[in-house]
Protein backbone atom coordinates (compact mmCIF):
# COMPACT_ATOMS: atom_id res chain seq x y z
CA MET A 1 173.41 120.77 115.60
CA SER A 2 175.29 123.95 115.98
CA GLU A 3 173.64 127.22 116.78
CA PRO A 4 173.38 129.79 113.98
CA SER A 5 176.31 132.13 114.14
CA GLU A 6 176.15 135.87 113.85
CA PRO A 7 177.01 137.25 110.45
CA ALA A 8 180.71 137.90 110.10
CA LEU A 9 181.79 141.50 109.95
CA SER A 10 183.73 142.59 106.91
CA ALA A 11 187.39 143.37 107.48
CA ALA A 12 186.73 147.10 106.93
CA ALA A 13 183.87 147.13 109.41
CA ALA A 14 185.81 145.06 111.97
CA ARG A 15 188.57 147.64 112.31
CA SER A 16 188.09 151.21 113.23
CA ILE A 17 189.96 153.69 111.08
CA PRO A 18 190.62 156.93 112.93
CA ARG A 19 189.57 160.21 111.42
CA LEU A 20 192.43 162.38 110.20
CA GLU A 21 192.00 166.16 109.99
CA ILE A 22 194.68 168.15 108.22
CA GLU A 23 195.02 171.91 107.94
CA LEU A 24 197.18 172.52 104.88
CA ARG A 25 199.87 175.21 104.79
CA ALA A 26 201.47 177.06 101.91
CA SER A 27 204.43 175.10 100.50
CA TYR A 28 207.36 177.29 99.55
CA ILE A 29 209.26 174.19 98.39
CA LEU A 30 206.48 173.47 95.89
CA ALA A 31 206.42 177.12 94.81
CA GLY A 32 210.15 176.95 94.04
CA LEU A 33 209.84 173.66 92.17
CA LEU A 34 206.93 174.94 90.07
CA ALA A 35 208.84 178.17 89.26
CA ALA A 36 211.93 176.15 88.26
CA ALA A 37 209.87 173.79 86.07
CA HIS A 38 208.26 176.73 84.25
CA CYS A 39 211.66 178.39 83.76
CA ALA A 40 212.99 175.14 82.28
CA ALA A 41 209.98 174.96 79.95
CA PHE A 42 210.72 178.53 78.84
CA ALA A 43 214.35 177.63 78.14
CA VAL A 44 213.19 174.73 75.97
CA ALA A 45 210.77 177.04 74.14
CA VAL A 46 213.54 179.58 73.49
CA ALA A 47 215.84 176.86 72.15
CA GLY A 48 213.15 175.43 69.88
CA LEU A 49 211.54 178.62 68.57
CA GLN A 50 213.22 181.05 66.21
CA ARG A 51 210.70 183.84 65.82
CA LEU A 52 210.69 186.49 68.52
CA GLU A 53 206.88 186.81 68.58
CA LEU A 54 206.53 183.05 69.23
CA ILE A 55 209.05 183.25 72.05
CA GLY A 56 207.06 186.18 73.52
CA ALA A 57 203.80 184.24 73.26
CA ALA A 58 205.39 181.20 74.92
CA ALA A 59 206.76 183.43 77.68
CA LEU A 60 203.34 184.94 78.37
CA ALA A 61 201.63 181.56 78.35
CA LEU A 62 204.21 180.01 80.67
CA LEU A 63 204.16 183.02 83.01
CA GLY A 64 200.37 182.85 83.29
CA GLN A 65 200.45 179.08 83.92
CA ALA A 66 203.22 179.49 86.50
CA CYS A 67 201.29 182.18 88.39
CA TRP A 68 198.09 180.12 88.36
CA SER A 69 199.84 176.90 89.47
CA ILE A 70 201.83 178.53 92.26
CA ARG A 71 198.82 180.48 93.54
CA ARG A 72 196.53 177.43 93.60
CA HIS A 73 198.75 174.47 94.46
CA ALA A 74 201.65 175.95 96.42
CA LEU A 75 200.48 179.15 98.14
CA LEU A 76 196.81 178.08 98.44
CA HIS A 77 195.50 181.58 97.65
CA ALA A 78 193.12 180.69 94.80
CA PRO A 79 189.40 180.40 95.68
CA ARG A 80 189.32 176.70 94.67
CA ALA A 81 192.54 175.80 96.50
CA ILE A 82 192.02 173.03 99.05
CA VAL A 83 193.08 174.26 102.48
CA HIS A 84 191.65 171.59 104.81
CA LEU A 85 191.20 167.81 104.54
CA ASP A 86 189.08 165.56 106.73
CA CYS A 87 189.87 161.93 105.91
CA ARG A 88 187.28 159.42 107.09
CA GLY A 89 187.31 155.70 106.56
CA GLU A 90 189.70 154.24 104.05
CA ASP A 91 188.93 156.25 100.94
CA ARG A 92 186.55 159.10 101.85
CA CYS A 93 187.71 162.66 102.22
CA ILE A 94 185.94 165.96 102.83
CA ALA A 95 187.86 168.98 101.56
CA TRP A 96 187.35 172.65 102.35
CA ARG A 97 188.31 175.14 99.70
CA ARG A 98 189.64 178.66 100.29
CA ASP A 99 186.22 180.06 99.25
CA GLY A 100 184.52 178.10 102.05
CA THR A 101 183.02 175.38 99.84
CA ARG A 102 182.95 171.91 101.39
CA VAL A 103 183.28 169.02 98.91
CA GLN A 104 183.14 165.26 99.43
CA TYR A 105 185.70 163.20 97.52
CA ARG A 106 186.88 159.63 97.21
CA ILE A 107 190.63 159.02 97.23
CA ARG A 108 191.63 157.36 93.92
CA ALA A 109 193.97 154.43 93.47
CA SER A 110 196.25 156.61 91.36
CA SER A 111 197.32 158.66 94.38
CA TYR A 112 201.11 158.75 94.71
CA VAL A 113 202.85 158.30 98.05
CA THR A 114 206.55 158.67 98.87
CA ARG A 115 208.45 160.01 101.85
CA TYR A 116 208.87 163.52 100.46
CA LEU A 117 206.02 163.79 97.97
CA THR A 118 202.38 162.77 98.21
CA VAL A 119 199.88 163.54 95.46
CA LEU A 120 196.26 162.89 96.37
CA HIS A 121 193.98 162.22 93.43
CA LEU A 122 190.46 163.02 94.58
CA ARG A 123 187.28 162.43 92.64
CA ARG A 124 183.74 163.54 93.45
CA PRO A 125 181.19 160.71 93.20
CA GLY A 126 179.55 160.77 89.79
CA GLU A 127 182.13 162.98 88.12
CA ARG A 128 184.87 162.08 85.63
CA ARG A 129 187.45 164.74 86.47
CA SER A 130 189.80 164.46 89.41
CA CYS A 131 191.16 167.08 91.77
CA HIS A 132 194.82 166.88 92.76
CA VAL A 133 196.44 167.92 96.04
CA VAL A 134 200.25 168.06 96.05
CA LEU A 135 201.77 167.67 99.50
CA LEU A 136 205.43 168.19 100.41
CA PRO A 137 207.03 168.12 103.88
CA ASP A 138 206.28 171.83 104.49
CA SER A 139 202.57 171.43 103.59
CA MET A 140 201.59 170.09 107.00
CA PRO A 141 203.06 169.00 110.35
CA ALA A 142 205.39 166.00 110.05
CA ASP A 143 203.28 163.73 112.27
CA LEU A 144 200.13 164.31 110.20
CA MET A 145 202.08 163.73 106.98
CA ARG A 146 203.36 160.41 108.33
CA ARG A 147 199.88 159.34 109.40
CA LEU A 148 198.43 160.24 105.99
CA ARG A 149 201.21 158.34 104.18
CA VAL A 150 200.62 155.25 106.34
CA ARG A 151 196.87 155.39 105.70
CA LEU A 152 197.37 155.73 101.95
CA ARG A 153 199.96 152.95 101.75
CA TRP A 154 197.70 150.51 103.58
CA MET A 155 194.82 151.10 101.19
CA ARG A 156 194.37 148.36 98.63
CA PHE A 157 192.45 149.12 95.48
CA ASP A 158 190.85 146.84 92.97
CA ALA A 159 191.11 147.51 89.25
CA ALA A 160 188.09 149.86 89.23
CA GLY A 161 189.65 152.08 91.91
CA ALA A 162 187.38 151.07 94.75
CA VAL A 163 188.83 149.94 98.06
CA GLU A 164 189.07 146.18 98.46
CA GLU A 165 188.12 144.70 101.78
CA ARG A 166 191.13 143.08 103.40
CA THR A 167 190.57 139.62 104.75
CA SER A 168 192.28 138.50 107.89
CA LEU A 169 194.74 135.67 107.62
């Protein structure tokens, strides 16, 4: 008879995933892209609207949205702007906001990762809405950006958005 073996460790428990702390910086590339997108939206509104008061209302609405977006997502000046990330494990993340609030999130499967653009979709446990963090090459040091991209690409999610445990071959 063989001796009882110790319970096998899951693949996630067997490997140690290093903690990744990221201090985010203002992204002037993102600020320019957001400003250009809002200008393009205004051009479309001008082409499609004929009444001057509607064009003025569209201009005010787009200007307000542009200021809010650039302040929060690009320049990180808004109180709820995320300025620091502490990634732990495969899908856990603690974020610090500009106002000093510390919030725990799970990284969602819908996060987008490419060489020049990474969009983190973060969700608090028990909530339906997500928080989005847009990262471009000037948002953080290049080495940290590379490490974050590698971590996100190696995550595997099941259909519900939870991390699947990888099995060794």
